[in-house]
Amino acid sequence: MIEVKIEKKGEYVYEINKSGPMRVPARIYADDELMKDISKDKSPEQAANVATLPGIVKYSLAMPDIHWGYGFPIGGVAATDPNEGGIISPGGVGYDINCGVRMMRTNLRIQDIRPKLRELVMNLFQTIPTGVGAKGAIEKVSPSELRKLVVKGSGWAVNRGFGYEEDVGHTEQQGCLSGADPDKVSEHAIERGLAQVGTLGSGNHFLEVGMVEEIYHPEAARLFGLEEGTVTVLIHCGSRGFGYQVCDDYLKVMSHAVERYKIDLPDRQLACAPADSEEGKDYIAAMAAAANYAWTNRQVIMHLARLAFEKSLGMSPQAIGMRLIYDVCHNIAKYEKHSVNGKQLMVWVHRKGATRAFPPGHPEIPAEYRSIGQPVLVPGDMGRASYLCVGAQGAMELTFGSTCHGAGRVLSRSKAIKAGKGRSIKRELEDKNIIVMAHGRETLAEEMPEAYKDVSRVVNVMHEAGIALRVARLKPVGVIKG
């Protein structure tokens, strides 16, 4: 039995001490106000459960946007050492494998698009397929072509005219995880993926047109081509039905692996297998395929967004200057080198609702950004703000190079729908000069601003802890959702 007693260890650090089957402590990054919300659900208990996993090192970690999830809390980070029986767990990655965010900057100022903003949002909504059953914006991919896509990632899309080579260089992992094997993916997953390349999906996925409202790090902002008033675009989505099916298939595999390898778990949703086992290797290969599908999906959507801007504004792509700043994923497991108790070890870092945040000088950062650190994208909610940050040295020392991925929910979707009864969320947002288009009223109610923590508080914790530093605050002006 795990005793979940949370103790404050520093201004932004809380800890659950080792007890019962926990192999390491669980550590939560938050401030006092955020902890009040965090303590209302079972996510701290989930963080403690993660601390029982074989091979886990240092801490089970939780970011300030932590909330209840499947197995791992959303906002959870854990590193496992395969040389010490370290496991790989689908619950530590999530159903939407490589759900992530990409951000573009433009040459436009907010005054350039205000007169045509409604038309722009309409064209984005019509150009980019959204919603639960949305079909791909490109002709249905054949099964043989999909098998190539999941091996090549973003490059597959660029080679077919959906974007530019420089987009690949500004994508985490160059938009392609090595080791992807379509033979480790079920036919059902393949079938689900055929018609969804270039679709935004539903739920909390969105495309947001914004403007730079405030700059905190002038040097980084200049490097990214941002000034106050610059128009930006954020795209948040993942691997759609393909990734969901991969996760679902391997949770069944892992439930049997737990028995085969005699792994004792406090929660069956943590189903896992040793990373170097047959089941572990198969999942890693299938996960990589889903990650590559997600990067391809976001690449195609970005291309469609460029077309919608061109149509709405009557300007050439060169004049608009829609350039990808970066694309980061926040549902992934990566094999990385980290310092553990004074030793450099290769570990499997699970980031479930958590973003990579490598510091200045890290070789995996694009060369032009290496002096300031990896871009970190933190979307908030439709009514308040999102943030661009950069990774800092504290991330490598404290959180396995990880930070928050968003604001984090405080209301479940059902509670948000109940709270939105009788209200017009669309009208409320228009009163704030934010134009929103979505397929249904319930979608907007689920995603109302009050359903989320204040992203500014979340980002401030990471900034003050020296994990990810603020660069710019982005104000939404137009949003499309499924």
Protein backbone atom coordinates (compact mmCIF):
# COMPACT_ATOMS: atom_id res chain seq x y z
CA MET A 1 0.00 0.00 0.00
CA ILE A 2 1.32 3.46 -0.92
CA GLU A 3 0.84 6.29 1.53
CA VAL A 4 0.42 9.46 -0.52
CA LYS A 5 1.58 12.19 1.81
CA ILE A 6 2.68 15.31 -0.05
CA GLU A 7 5.40 17.44 1.55
CA LYS A 8 6.61 20.83 0.36
CA LYS A 9 10.36 20.68 -0.36
CA GLY A 10 10.92 24.09 -1.93
CA GLU A 11 9.06 27.06 -3.35
CA TYR A 12 8.06 25.08 -6.46
CA VAL A 13 8.76 21.48 -5.42
CA TYR A 14 6.55 18.97 -3.59
CA GLU A 15 7.43 15.38 -2.85
CA ILE A 16 5.82 12.07 -1.97
CA ASN A 17 8.41 10.12 0.02
CA LYS A 18 9.16 6.50 -0.79
CA SER A 19 6.80 4.10 0.92
CA GLY A 20 5.58 0.58 0.33
CA PRO A 21 6.52 -0.67 -3.15
CA MET A 22 7.81 2.73 -4.38
CA ARG A 23 11.37 2.42 -5.70
CA VAL A 24 11.96 6.19 -5.83
CA PRO A 25 10.19 9.28 -4.48
CA ALA A 26 7.57 11.09 -6.57
CA ARG A 27 8.23 14.77 -7.19
CA ILE A 28 5.66 17.39 -8.28
CA TYR A 29 6.58 20.84 -9.62
CA ALA A 30 3.91 23.40 -8.73
CA ASP A 31 3.15 26.48 -6.67
CA ASP A 32 0.79 26.58 -3.70
CA GLU A 33 -2.22 27.67 -5.76
CA LEU A 34 -1.72 24.98 -8.40
CA MET A 35 -1.29 22.33 -5.71
CA LYS A 36 -4.82 23.05 -4.50
CA ASP A 37 -6.17 21.93 -7.89
CA ILE A 38 -3.69 19.07 -8.26
CA SER A 39 -4.72 17.65 -4.89
CA LYS A 40 -8.37 17.44 -5.97
CA ASP A 41 -7.88 14.42 -8.23
CA LYS A 42 -5.89 11.19 -8.07
CA SER A 43 -2.93 12.36 -10.16
CA PRO A 44 -0.52 12.51 -7.16
CA GLU A 45 -1.49 8.90 -6.39
CA GLN A 46 -0.76 8.01 -10.00
CA ALA A 47 2.67 9.67 -9.74
CA ALA A 48 3.35 7.52 -6.68
CA ASN A 49 2.22 4.41 -8.57
CA VAL A 50 4.65 5.19 -11.39
CA ALA A 51 7.43 5.22 -8.78
CA THR A 52 6.93 1.45 -8.33
CA LEU A 53 7.89 0.56 -11.92
CA PRO A 54 10.93 -1.71 -12.42
CA GLY A 55 14.10 0.13 -13.36
CA ILE A 56 12.79 3.64 -12.62
CA VAL A 57 15.58 6.05 -11.64
CA LYS A 58 15.80 9.22 -9.52
CA TYR A 59 12.14 10.28 -9.33
CA SER A 60 8.70 9.79 -10.72
CA LEU A 61 8.09 13.35 -11.91
CA ALA A 62 5.00 15.46 -12.44
CA MET A 63 4.85 18.84 -14.16
CA PRO A 64 2.58 21.70 -12.92
CA ASP A 65 -0.08 20.84 -15.53
CA ILE A 66 -0.48 17.35 -14.03
CA HIS A 67 -3.98 15.83 -14.01
CA TRP A 68 -5.51 12.38 -13.93
CA GLY A 69 -4.79 10.14 -16.92
CA TYR A 70 -4.61 6.50 -18.00
CA GLY A 71 -1.95 4.78 -15.86
CA PHE A 72 0.55 7.62 -15.76
CA PRO A 73 -0.82 11.04 -14.87
CA ILE A 74 -0.96 13.48 -17.76
CA GLY A 75 2.06 15.67 -17.09
CA GLY A 76 4.08 12.68 -15.88
CA VAL A 77 7.74 11.94 -16.63
CA ALA A 78 9.67 8.79 -15.74
CA ALA A 79 13.04 7.41 -16.84
CA THR A 80 13.83 3.70 -16.70
CA ASP A 81 17.21 1.98 -16.99
CA PRO A 82 17.02 -1.08 -19.29
CA ASN A 83 20.20 -2.46 -17.68
CA GLU A 84 18.32 -2.65 -14.39
CA GLY A 85 15.17 -4.29 -15.74
CA GLY A 86 13.74 -0.96 -16.86
CA ILE A 87 10.35 -1.19 -18.52
CA ILE A 88 8.54 0.50 -21.37
CA SER A 89 4.87 1.33 -20.73
CA PRO A 90 2.22 2.45 -23.25
CA GLY A 91 0.46 4.21 -20.36
CA GLY A 92 3.59 6.36 -20.00
CA VAL A 93 3.22 7.57 -23.57
CA GLY A 94 -0.54 7.82 -23.93
CA TYR A 95 -3.18 6.87 -26.47
CA ASP A 96 -2.43 9.78 -28.79
CA ILE A 97 1.19 8.88 -29.53
CA ASN A 98 3.23 11.98 -30.44
CA CYS A 99 0.44 14.39 -29.81
CA GLY A 100 2.39 17.60 -30.19
CA VAL A 101 2.51 21.26 -31.14
CA ARG A 102 4.12 23.17 -33.97
CA MET A 103 4.46 26.93 -34.17
CA MET A 104 4.89 29.17 -37.19
CA ARG A 105 5.80 32.83 -37.33
CA THR A 106 4.80 35.15 -40.18
CA ASN A 107 5.81 38.52 -41.62
CA LEU A 108 2.30 39.74 -40.80
CA ARG A 109 1.29 42.14 -38.05
CA ILE A 110 -2.04 41.84 -36.30
CA GLN A 111 -3.35 44.95 -38.14
CA ASP A 112 -2.67 43.18 -41.45
CA ILE A 113 -5.18 40.42 -40.74
CA ARG A 114 -7.82 42.09 -38.53
CA PRO A 115 -10.03 43.20 -41.46
CA LYS A 116 -9.97 39.68 -42.98
CA LEU A 117 -9.76 37.62 -39.78
CA ARG A 118 -13.22 36.06 -40.03
CA GLU A 119 -12.62 35.08 -43.65
CA LEU A 120 -9.21 33.64 -42.69
CA VAL A 121 -10.66 31.52 -39.88
CA MET A 122 -13.44 30.31 -42.21
CA ASN A 123 -10.91 29.35 -44.90
CA LEU A 124 -8.77 27.50 -42.35
CA PHE A 125 -11.88 25.65 -41.13
CA GLN A 126 -12.86 24.71 -44.68
CA THR A 127 -9.34 23.77 -45.79
CA ILE A 128 -8.24 21.68 -42.80
CA PRO A 129 -10.42 18.63 -42.05
CA THR A 130 -11.58 18.69 -38.42
CA GLY A 131 -13.79 16.58 -36.18
CA VAL A 132 -14.12 12.95 -35.14
CA GLY A 133 -14.76 11.41 -38.55
CA ALA A 134 -12.72 13.83 -40.64
CA LYS A 135 -11.18 12.40 -43.81
CA GLY A 136 -7.70 13.35 -44.93
CA ALA A 137 -7.03 16.42 -46.98
CA ILE A 138 -5.01 14.35 -49.41
CA GLU A 139 -6.22 11.44 -51.50
CA LYS A 140 -6.64 8.31 -49.39
CA VAL A 141 -3.20 6.81 -48.79
CA SER A 142 -2.74 3.21 -49.94
CA PRO A 143 -1.66 0.59 -47.37
CA SER A 144 1.76 0.23 -49.08
CA GLU A 145 2.25 4.01 -49.11
CA LEU A 146 1.23 4.28 -45.45
CA ARG A 147 3.92 1.74 -44.58
CA LYS A 148 6.47 4.05 -46.21
CA LEU A 149 5.00 7.09 -44.46
CA VAL A 150 5.37 5.62 -40.97
CA VAL A 151 9.03 4.86 -41.62
CA LYS A 152 9.96 8.22 -43.19
CA GLY A 153 7.87 10.67 -41.14
CA SER A 154 7.80 14.37 -42.08
CA GLY A 155 10.12 13.80 -45.03
CA TRP A 156 7.40 11.71 -46.70
CA ALA A 157 5.10 14.75 -46.78
CA VAL A 158 7.79 17.20 -47.89
CA ASN A 159 8.81 14.88 -50.75
CA ARG A 160 5.20 15.07 -51.97
CA GLY A 161 5.06 18.86 -51.95
CA PHE A 162 3.58 19.42 -48.50
CA GLY A 163 6.07 21.95 -47.21
CA TYR A 164 9.81 22.53 -47.44
CA GLU A 165 13.00 20.79 -46.43
CA GLU A 166 13.70 23.44 -43.79
CA ASP A 167 10.47 22.36 -42.03
CA VAL A 168 12.08 18.99 -41.32
CA GLY A 169 15.14 20.65 -39.77
CA HIS A 170 12.90 22.58 -37.35
CA THR A 171 11.03 19.48 -36.17
CA GLU A 172 12.03 17.48 -33.10
CA GLN A 173 14.03 14.44 -34.20
CA GLN A 174 13.84 15.84 -37.76
CA GLY A 175 10.31 14.53 -37.81
CA CYS A 176 11.32 10.89 -37.83
CA LEU A 177 12.00 8.37 -35.07
CA SER A 178 14.33 5.62 -36.23
CA GLY A 179 13.39 1.99 -35.73
CA ALA A 180 9.79 2.32 -36.88
CA ASP A 181 8.51 -1.01 -38.17
CA PRO A 182 5.10 -1.22 -39.88
CA ASP A 183 5.18 -5.00 -39.43
CA LYS A 184 4.73 -4.38 -35.70
CA VAL A 185 1.52 -2.44 -36.36
CA SER A 186 -1.83 -4.21 -36.66
CA GLU A 187 -3.86 -4.21 -39.87
CA HIS A 188 -6.64 -2.47 -37.96
CA ALA A 189 -4.28 0.41 -37.09
CA ILE A 190 -3.17 0.63 -40.72
CA GLU A 191 -6.79 0.72 -41.86
CA ARG A 192 -7.63 3.51 -39.41
CA GLY A 193 -4.66 5.56 -40.59
CA LEU A 194 -5.36 5.44 -44.33
CA ALA A 195 -7.89 8.28 -44.48
CA GLN A 196 -6.71 10.55 -41.66
CA VAL A 197 -3.42 12.04 -42.90
CA GLY A 198 -3.83 15.81 -42.72
CA THR A 199 -6.72 15.90 -40.22
CA LEU A 200 -6.95 17.91 -37.03
CA GLY A 201 -9.28 15.62 -35.11
CA SER A 202 -11.45 16.63 -32.17
CA GLY A 203 -11.28 17.19 -28.40
CA ASN A 204 -8.48 19.52 -27.33
CA HIS A 205 -6.85 19.56 -30.77
CA PHE A 206 -6.86 22.91 -32.54
CA LEU A 207 -5.25 25.37 -34.90
CA GLU A 208 -4.81 28.80 -33.37
CA VAL A 209 -3.99 32.09 -35.06
CA GLY A 210 -2.41 34.36 -32.48
CA MET A 211 -0.32 37.43 -31.98
CA VAL A 212 2.75 38.05 -29.88
CA GLU A 213 1.41 39.97 -26.90
CA GLU A 214 4.54 40.23 -24.77
CA ILE A 215 8.23 39.36 -25.12
CA TYR A 216 10.33 38.29 -22.12
CA HIS A 217 13.53 37.09 -23.83
CA PRO A 218 14.46 39.60 -26.59
CA GLU A 219 17.50 37.66 -27.82
CA ALA A 220 15.52 34.46 -28.36
CA ALA A 221 12.58 36.35 -29.86
CA ARG A 222 14.86 38.00 -32.44
CA LEU A 223 16.31 34.62 -33.37
CA PHE A 224 12.81 33.23 -33.87
CA GLY A 225 11.74 36.28 -35.92
CA LEU A 226 9.20 37.56 -33.40
CA GLU A 227 8.20 41.05 -32.30
CA GLU A 228 5.19 42.29 -30.36
CA GLY A 229 2.23 42.18 -32.74
CA THR A 230 3.70 39.43 -34.95
CA VAL A 231 1.03 36.98 -36.20
CA THR A 232 1.70 33.35 -35.25
CA VAL A 233 0.06 29.98 -35.86
CA LEU A 234 -0.07 27.03 -33.45
CA ILE A 235 -1.12 23.52 -34.51
CA HIS A 236 -1.93 20.96 -31.80
CA CYS A 237 -2.78 17.39 -32.81
CA GLY A 238 -1.32 13.89 -32.94
CA SER A 239 -1.46 10.47 -34.57
CA ARG A 240 -5.26 10.23 -34.79
CA GLY A 241 -6.88 6.76 -34.96
CA PHE A 242 -3.61 5.18 -36.05
CA GLY A 243 -1.78 6.01 -32.82
CA TYR A 244 -4.83 5.27 -30.68
CA GLN A 245 -5.05 1.78 -32.16
CA VAL A 246 -1.32 1.12 -31.66
CA CYS A 247 -1.68 1.99 -27.98
CA ASP A 248 -4.84 -0.06 -27.58
CA ASP A 249 -3.27 -3.10 -29.27
CA TYR A 250 -0.15 -3.00 -27.11
CA LEU A 251 -1.97 -2.48 -23.83
CA LYS A 252 -3.43 -5.93 -24.44
CA VAL A 253 0.04 -7.32 -25.22
CA MET A 254 1.50 -5.70 -22.10
CA SER A 255 -1.24 -7.04 -19.84
CA HIS A 256 0.01 -10.55 -20.67
CA ALA A 257 3.66 -9.47 -20.47
CA VAL A 258 3.15 -8.33 -16.88
CA GLU A 259 2.23 -11.91 -15.96
CA ARG A 260 4.99 -13.44 -18.07
CA TYR A 261 7.71 -11.31 -16.45
CA LYS A 262 6.08 -11.37 -13.00
CA ILE A 263 5.84 -7.59 -12.70
CA ASP A 264 3.82 -6.53 -9.66
CA LEU A 265 1.81 -3.35 -10.33
CA PRO A 266 -0.43 -1.22 -8.08
CA ASP A 267 -2.56 -0.32 -11.13
CA ARG A 268 -3.16 -2.58 -14.14
CA GLN A 269 -3.24 0.53 -16.37
CA LEU A 270 0.55 0.68 -15.88
CA ALA A 271 0.86 -2.53 -17.94
CA CYS A 272 4.42 -2.76 -19.27
CA ALA A 273 7.26 -5.04 -20.30
CA PRO A 274 11.05 -4.88 -19.96
CA ALA A 275 12.27 -2.47 -22.64
CA ASP A 276 14.67 -5.07 -24.04
CA SER A 277 12.06 -7.87 -24.13
CA GLU A 278 10.35 -8.99 -27.34
CA GLU A 279 7.13 -7.25 -26.30
CA GLY A 280 9.01 -4.10 -25.32
CA LYS A 281 10.93 -3.92 -28.59
CA ASP A 282 7.77 -4.52 -30.62
CA TYR A 283 5.96 -1.68 -28.86
CA ILE A 284 8.91 0.68 -29.34
CA ALA A 285 8.92 -0.06 -33.09
CA ALA A 286 5.15 0.46 -33.34
CA MET A 287 5.30 3.62 -31.20
CA ALA A 288 7.94 5.05 -33.55
CA ALA A 289 5.65 4.35 -36.50
CA ALA A 290 2.81 6.23 -34.79
CA ALA A 291 5.14 9.11 -33.90
CA ASN A 292 6.17 9.40 -37.54
CA TYR A 293 2.52 9.37 -38.60
CA ALA A 294 1.84 12.28 -36.23
CA TRP A 295 4.73 14.37 -37.55
CA THR A 296 3.52 13.74 -41.11
CA ASN A 297 0.00 14.72 -40.08
CA ARG A 298 1.13 18.05 -38.61
CA GLN A 299 3.35 18.71 -41.64
CA VAL A 300 0.39 18.32 -44.02
CA ILE A 301 -1.87 20.47 -41.83
CA MET A 302 0.78 23.21 -41.77
CA HIS A 303 0.92 23.16 -45.58
CA LEU A 304 -2.88 23.49 -45.72
CA ALA A 305 -2.71 26.43 -43.29
CA ARG A 306 -0.23 28.17 -45.60
CA LEU A 307 -2.66 27.71 -48.50
CA ALA A 308 -5.58 29.13 -46.47
CA PHE A 309 -3.54 32.21 -45.53
CA GLU A 310 -2.56 32.76 -49.17
CA LYS A 311 -6.18 32.47 -50.31
CA SER A 312 -7.52 34.77 -47.59
CA LEU A 313 -4.94 37.52 -47.85
CA GLY A 314 -4.10 37.38 -51.55
CA MET A 315 -0.40 37.34 -50.72
CA SER A 316 2.36 35.05 -51.91
CA PRO A 317 3.84 32.52 -49.46
CA GLN A 318 7.09 34.50 -49.59
CA ALA A 319 5.34 37.72 -48.59
CA ILE A 320 3.46 35.98 -45.78
CA GLY A 321 6.71 34.41 -44.54
CA MET A 322 5.06 31.48 -42.75
CA ARG A 323 8.13 29.76 -41.35
CA LEU A 324 8.14 26.88 -38.90
CA ILE A 325 9.84 27.82 -35.64
CA TYR A 326 9.63 24.33 -34.15
CA ASP A 327 7.55 21.20 -33.64
CA VAL A 328 7.67 19.38 -30.30
CA CYS A 329 5.92 16.21 -29.17
CA HIS A 330 4.51 15.58 -25.72
CA ASN A 331 3.39 11.93 -25.76
CA ILE A 332 6.49 9.88 -26.43
CA ALA A 333 9.20 7.64 -24.98
CA LYS A 334 12.79 8.40 -26.05
CA TYR A 335 16.07 6.57 -25.45
CA GLU A 336 18.34 9.35 -24.14
CA LYS A 337 21.53 9.93 -22.18
CA HIS A 338 21.07 11.52 -18.75
CA SER A 339 23.04 11.96 -15.55
CA VAL A 340 21.76 9.63 -12.82
CA ASN A 341 23.47 9.78 -9.44
CA GLY A 342 26.66 11.08 -11.02
CA LYS A 343 26.72 8.53 -13.85
CA GLN A 344 25.84 9.02 -17.51
CA LEU A 345 23.20 6.44 -18.38
CA MET A 346 21.05 5.64 -21.40
CA VAL A 347 17.47 5.55 -20.16
CA TRP A 348 13.97 5.35 -21.60
CA VAL A 349 12.36 8.72 -20.81
CA HIS A 350 8.57 8.53 -20.84
CA ARG A 351 6.97 11.94 -21.42
CA LYS A 352 3.19 11.72 -21.14
CA GLY A 353 1.74 15.20 -21.47
CA ALA A 354 5.24 16.61 -21.02
CA THR A 355 7.52 18.38 -23.49
CA ARG A 356 11.23 17.93 -24.14
CA ALA A 357 13.19 21.00 -23.00
CA PHE A 358 16.88 20.57 -23.86
CA PRO A 359 19.20 23.41 -22.74
CA PRO A 360 21.61 25.60 -24.75
CA GLY A 361 24.44 23.64 -26.34
CA HIS A 362 22.61 20.33 -26.63
CA PRO A 363 23.53 18.62 -29.91
CA GLU A 364 19.94 17.62 -30.71
CA ILE A 365 18.83 21.25 -30.99
CA PRO A 366 18.89 22.80 -34.49
CA ALA A 367 22.24 24.56 -34.94
CA GLU A 368 20.70 28.03 -35.30
CA TYR A 369 18.92 27.67 -31.92
CA ARG A 370 21.71 25.96 -30.02
CA SER A 371 22.93 29.14 -28.32
CA ILE A 372 19.56 29.78 -26.62
CA GLY A 373 18.07 26.34 -26.06
CA GLN A 374 15.35 24.18 -27.58
CA PRO A 375 12.04 25.90 -28.36
CA VAL A 376 9.26 24.74 -26.03
CA LEU A 377 5.63 25.28 -27.02
CA VAL A 378 3.00 25.50 -24.28
CA PRO A 379 -0.57 26.04 -25.51
CA GLY A 380 -3.07 27.36 -22.99
CA ASP A 381 -6.81 27.70 -23.60
CA MET A 382 -8.90 29.43 -26.26
CA GLY A 383 -9.56 32.52 -24.16
CA ARG A 384 -6.29 33.39 -22.50
CA ALA A 385 -2.81 32.71 -23.86
CA SER A 386 -0.16 30.28 -25.04
CA TYR A 387 3.61 30.52 -24.53
CA LEU A 388 6.84 30.04 -26.40
CA CYS A 389 9.69 29.11 -24.05
CA VAL A 390 13.21 27.68 -24.35
CA GLY A 391 14.77 24.79 -22.45
CA ALA A 392 17.22 25.61 -19.65
CA GLN A 393 19.99 23.74 -17.85
CA GLY A 394 17.74 23.00 -14.89
CA ALA A 395 15.71 20.67 -17.08
CA MET A 396 18.68 18.31 -17.53
CA GLU A 397 19.52 18.41 -13.83
CA LEU A 398 15.98 18.10 -12.47
CA THR A 399 13.49 16.63 -14.95
CA PHE A 400 15.32 14.52 -17.55
CA GLY A 401 15.17 17.42 -19.99
CA SER A 402 11.39 17.82 -19.65
CA THR A 403 8.83 20.51 -18.90
CA CYS A 404 5.06 21.13 -18.99
CA HIS A 405 3.01 20.71 -22.17
CA GLY A 406 0.00 22.94 -21.56
CA ALA A 407 -2.29 24.38 -18.93
CA GLY A 408 -3.73 21.08 -17.67
CA ARG A 409 -7.41 20.40 -17.10
CA VAL A 410 -9.24 21.25 -13.89
CA LEU A 411 -12.67 20.18 -15.16
CA SER A 412 -13.39 16.86 -16.84
CA ARG A 413 -15.09 17.08 -20.21
CA SER A 414 -18.45 16.06 -18.73
CA LYS A 415 -18.16 18.66 -15.96
CA ALA A 416 -17.18 21.33 -18.47
CA ILE A 417 -20.24 20.53 -20.62
CA LYS A 418 -22.43 20.79 -17.52
CA ALA A 419 -20.83 24.12 -16.58
CA GLY A 420 -21.43 25.42 -20.11
CA LYS A 421 -25.14 24.62 -20.12
CA GLY A 422 -27.14 27.63 -21.26
CA ARG A 423 -24.04 29.57 -22.29
CA SER A 424 -22.66 30.45 -25.73
CA ILE A 425 -18.93 29.91 -25.39
CA LYS A 426 -18.52 31.09 -28.99
CA ARG A 427 -20.19 34.42 -28.22
CA GLU A 428 -18.22 34.83 -24.99
CA LEU A 429 -14.98 34.40 -26.93
CA GLU A 430 -16.10 36.79 -29.67
CA ASP A 431 -16.69 39.37 -26.95
CA LYS A 432 -12.94 39.01 -26.31
CA ASN A 433 -12.21 39.50 -30.05
CA ILE A 434 -11.46 35.79 -30.54
CA ILE A 435 -13.18 34.16 -33.52
CA VAL A 436 -13.79 30.43 -33.02
CA MET A 437 -15.17 27.82 -35.41
CA ALA A 438 -15.97 24.27 -34.35
CA HIS A 439 -18.29 21.44 -35.40
CA GLY A 440 -20.38 21.41 -32.27
CA ARG A 441 -21.41 23.35 -29.21
CA GLU A 442 -20.27 20.52 -26.91
CA THR A 443 -16.73 20.74 -28.32
CA LEU A 444 -16.51 24.38 -27.28
CA ALA A 445 -18.04 23.66 -23.87
CA GLU A 446 -15.50 20.87 -23.24
CA GLU A 447 -12.69 23.28 -24.07
CA MET A 448 -13.98 26.43 -22.36
CA PRO A 449 -11.22 28.47 -20.67
CA GLU A 450 -12.46 27.59 -17.16
CA ALA A 451 -11.84 23.90 -17.88
CA TYR A 452 -8.10 24.58 -17.66
CA LYS A 453 -5.58 25.83 -15.15
CA ASP A 454 -4.10 29.28 -15.73
CA VAL A 455 -1.29 28.55 -18.19
CA SER A 456 0.62 31.63 -17.00
CA ARG A 457 0.97 30.11 -13.51
CA VAL A 458 2.03 26.77 -14.99
CA VAL A 459 4.70 28.38 -17.18
CA ASN A 460 5.87 30.58 -14.31
CA VAL A 461 6.67 27.51 -12.18
CA MET A 462 8.89 26.08 -14.91
CA HIS A 463 10.51 29.49 -15.50
CA GLU A 464 11.25 30.15 -11.83
CA ALA A 465 12.53 26.58 -11.34
CA GLY A 466 15.04 27.17 -14.16
CA ILE A 467 13.60 24.37 -16.31
CA ALA A 468 12.11 26.30 -19.26
CA LEU A 469 12.40 30.07 -19.68
CA ARG A 470 9.65 32.30 -21.05
CA VAL A 471 10.29 33.88 -24.46
CA ALA A 472 6.90 35.19 -25.59
CA ARG A 473 3.24 35.25 -24.59
CA LEU A 474 0.82 34.63 -27.48
CA LYS A 475 -2.76 35.92 -27.48
CA PRO A 476 -5.33 33.93 -29.50
CA VAL A 477 -7.37 35.83 -32.11
CA GLY A 478 -8.77 32.95 -34.20
CA VAL A 479 -9.26 29.24 -33.43
CA ILE A 480 -10.57 26.21 -35.32
CA LYS A 481 -11.51 22.97 -33.53
CA GLY A 482 -13.08 19.64 -34.38
